[in-house]
Amino acid sequence: MRGLTPTSWPGLAADVGNSGGTSVDEPLRVCEAATSALVTSREPGNHDASVLRSSSSSGAP
């Protein structure tokens, strides 16, 4: 996770930090620090937001 900024459940923030990342408390996060975008969602209920975001980014209807 070094250098990446994913969203995660608050209980995982320390694990993300211990692996070199920076956790943020957001429903959806697109981290573009890597060679390709890393799309993360905080919990399963946020997957709808993730699908909508990736669909609009890809140009899909």
N, C-alpha and C. Protein backbone atom coordinates (compact mmCIF):
# COMPACT_ATOMS: atom_id res chain seq x y z
N MET A 1 0.81 -1.19 0.00
CA MET A 1 0.00 0.00 0.00
C MET A 1 0.86 1.27 0.00
N ARG A 2 2.16 1.10 0.07
CA ARG A 2 3.04 2.27 0.18
C ARG A 2 2.71 3.31 -0.88
N GLY A 3 2.41 4.51 -0.42
CA GLY A 3 2.14 5.62 -1.32
C GLY A 3 0.71 5.71 -1.84
N LEU A 4 -0.13 4.75 -1.49
CA LEU A 4 -1.52 4.75 -1.97
C LEU A 4 -2.45 5.33 -0.91
N THR A 5 -3.60 5.85 -1.35
CA THR A 5 -4.58 6.44 -0.44
C THR A 5 -5.95 5.81 -0.72
N PRO A 6 -6.21 4.66 -0.08
CA PRO A 6 -7.52 4.03 -0.24
C PRO A 6 -8.48 4.48 0.85
N THR A 7 -9.76 4.22 0.65
CA THR A 7 -10.71 4.37 1.73
C THR A 7 -10.83 3.00 2.39
N SER A 8 -11.16 2.99 3.65
CA SER A 8 -11.33 1.72 4.36
C SER A 8 -12.21 1.93 5.58
N TRP A 9 -12.67 0.84 6.11
CA TRP A 9 -13.41 0.87 7.36
C TRP A 9 -12.45 1.41 8.42
N PRO A 10 -12.91 2.24 9.34
CA PRO A 10 -12.02 2.84 10.33
C PRO A 10 -11.15 1.83 11.08
N GLY A 11 -11.66 0.63 11.30
CA GLY A 11 -10.88 -0.39 12.00
C GLY A 11 -9.68 -0.89 11.22
N LEU A 12 -9.62 -0.61 9.93
CA LEU A 12 -8.49 -1.04 9.10
C LEU A 12 -7.49 0.07 8.83
N ALA A 13 -7.78 1.27 9.30
CA ALA A 13 -6.90 2.42 9.03
C ALA A 13 -5.48 2.18 9.52
N ALA A 14 -5.33 1.57 10.68
CA ALA A 14 -3.99 1.31 11.21
C ALA A 14 -3.23 0.31 10.33
N ASP A 15 -3.94 -0.70 9.82
CA ASP A 15 -3.29 -1.68 8.93
C ASP A 15 -2.83 -1.02 7.63
N VAL A 16 -3.66 -0.15 7.08
CA VAL A 16 -3.28 0.57 5.87
C VAL A 16 -2.05 1.43 6.16
N GLY A 17 -2.07 2.14 7.28
CA GLY A 17 -0.92 2.96 7.67
C GLY A 17 0.33 2.15 7.90
N ASN A 18 0.19 0.99 8.54
CA ASN A 18 1.36 0.13 8.79
C ASN A 18 1.97 -0.41 7.50
N SER A 19 1.17 -0.46 6.44
CA SER A 19 1.70 -0.95 5.16
C SER A 19 2.16 0.20 4.26
N GLY A 20 2.18 1.43 4.80
CA GLY A 20 2.72 2.56 4.05
C GLY A 20 1.69 3.41 3.33
N GLY A 21 0.41 3.08 3.48
CA GLY A 21 -0.64 3.86 2.82
C GLY A 21 -1.25 4.88 3.76
N THR A 22 -2.16 5.66 3.24
CA THR A 22 -2.89 6.65 4.02
C THR A 22 -4.38 6.39 3.82
N SER A 23 -5.05 5.95 4.87
CA SER A 23 -6.48 5.64 4.78
C SER A 23 -7.30 6.91 4.95
N VAL A 24 -8.37 7.03 4.17
CA VAL A 24 -9.31 8.14 4.30
C VAL A 24 -10.70 7.56 4.55
N ASP A 25 -11.52 8.31 5.27
CA ASP A 25 -12.87 7.86 5.60
C ASP A 25 -13.85 8.49 4.61
N GLU A 26 -13.98 7.87 3.45
CA GLU A 26 -14.87 8.33 2.39
C GLU A 26 -15.61 7.11 1.84
N PRO A 27 -16.84 7.26 1.34
CA PRO A 27 -17.55 6.12 0.79
C PRO A 27 -16.83 5.50 -0.42
N LEU A 28 -16.21 6.35 -1.23
CA LEU A 28 -15.53 5.90 -2.45
C LEU A 28 -14.28 6.72 -2.64
N ARG A 29 -13.21 6.06 -3.05
CA ARG A 29 -11.95 6.77 -3.28
C ARG A 29 -11.29 6.23 -4.53
N VAL A 30 -10.86 7.11 -5.41
CA VAL A 30 -10.08 6.72 -6.58
C VAL A 30 -8.68 7.27 -6.36
N CYS A 31 -7.73 6.39 -6.18
CA CYS A 31 -6.33 6.77 -5.97
C CYS A 31 -5.60 6.56 -7.29
N GLU A 32 -5.02 7.62 -7.81
CA GLU A 32 -4.32 7.53 -9.09
C GLU A 32 -2.81 7.64 -8.92
N ALA A 33 -2.30 7.28 -7.73
CA ALA A 33 -0.87 7.37 -7.45
C ALA A 33 -0.09 6.21 -8.08
N ALA A 34 -0.77 5.14 -8.43
CA ALA A 34 -0.11 3.98 -9.02
C ALA A 34 -0.16 4.08 -10.54
N THR A 35 0.36 3.06 -11.22
CA THR A 35 0.36 3.07 -12.68
C THR A 35 -1.05 2.95 -13.25
N SER A 36 -1.98 2.41 -12.46
CA SER A 36 -3.39 2.39 -12.85
C SER A 36 -4.21 2.80 -11.64
N ALA A 37 -5.42 3.26 -11.86
CA ALA A 37 -6.26 3.75 -10.77
C ALA A 37 -6.66 2.62 -9.83
N LEU A 38 -6.64 2.90 -8.54
CA LEU A 38 -7.10 1.97 -7.52
C LEU A 38 -8.42 2.53 -7.00
N VAL A 39 -9.52 1.80 -7.23
CA VAL A 39 -10.84 2.22 -6.78
C VAL A 39 -11.19 1.40 -5.55
N THR A 40 -11.44 2.08 -4.43
CA THR A 40 -11.80 1.38 -3.20
C THR A 40 -13.11 1.95 -2.65
N SER A 41 -13.86 1.10 -1.97
CA SER A 41 -15.07 1.55 -1.28
C SER A 41 -14.95 1.12 0.17
N ARG A 42 -15.58 1.88 1.04
CA ARG A 42 -15.44 1.67 2.48
C ARG A 42 -16.16 0.42 2.96
N GLU A 43 -17.30 0.10 2.38
CA GLU A 43 -18.08 -1.06 2.82
C GLU A 43 -18.93 -1.56 1.66
N PRO A 44 -19.47 -2.77 1.74
CA PRO A 44 -20.27 -3.30 0.64
C PRO A 44 -21.42 -2.38 0.22
N GLY A 45 -22.01 -1.66 1.14
CA GLY A 45 -23.10 -0.75 0.80
C GLY A 45 -22.67 0.39 -0.10
N ASN A 46 -21.36 0.64 -0.20
CA ASN A 46 -20.85 1.70 -1.06
C ASN A 46 -20.51 1.22 -2.47
N HIS A 47 -20.72 -0.06 -2.73
CA HIS A 47 -20.38 -0.58 -4.05
C HIS A 47 -21.18 0.08 -5.16
N ASP A 48 -22.44 0.46 -4.89
CA ASP A 48 -23.22 1.13 -5.92
C ASP A 48 -22.54 2.42 -6.37
N ALA A 49 -22.00 3.18 -5.43
CA ALA A 49 -21.28 4.41 -5.78
C ALA A 49 -20.04 4.07 -6.61
N SER A 50 -19.37 2.97 -6.27
CA SER A 50 -18.18 2.56 -6.99
C SER A 50 -18.51 2.19 -8.43
N VAL A 51 -19.60 1.46 -8.62
CA VAL A 51 -20.00 1.06 -9.96
C VAL A 51 -20.38 2.28 -10.79
N LEU A 52 -21.14 3.20 -10.18
CA LEU A 52 -21.53 4.40 -10.90
C LEU A 52 -20.30 5.22 -11.31
N ARG A 53 -19.35 5.35 -10.42
CA ARG A 53 -18.15 6.14 -10.71
C ARG A 53 -17.34 5.50 -11.82
N SER A 54 -17.14 4.17 -11.77
CA SER A 54 -16.33 3.53 -12.79
C SER A 54 -17.06 3.51 -14.13
N SER A 55 -18.38 3.42 -14.12
CA SER A 55 -19.14 3.45 -15.37
C SER A 55 -19.01 4.81 -16.04
N SER A 56 -19.08 5.87 -15.25
CA SER A 56 -18.98 7.21 -15.84
C SER A 56 -17.55 7.49 -16.30
N SER A 57 -16.56 6.91 -15.65
CA SER A 57 -15.17 7.11 -16.05
C SER A 57 -14.84 6.37 -17.34
N SER A 58 -15.48 5.22 -17.55
CA SER A 58 -15.15 4.41 -18.70
C SER A 58 -15.94 4.80 -19.94
N GLY A 59 -16.92 5.68 -19.76
CA GLY A 59 -17.73 6.08 -20.89
C GLY A 59 -18.90 5.14 -21.14
N ALA A 60 -19.07 4.14 -20.26
CA ALA A 60 -20.19 3.20 -20.42
C ALA A 60 -21.49 3.91 -20.09
N PRO A 61 -22.59 3.48 -20.69
CA PRO A 61 -23.89 4.14 -20.40
C PRO A 61 -24.36 3.90 -18.99
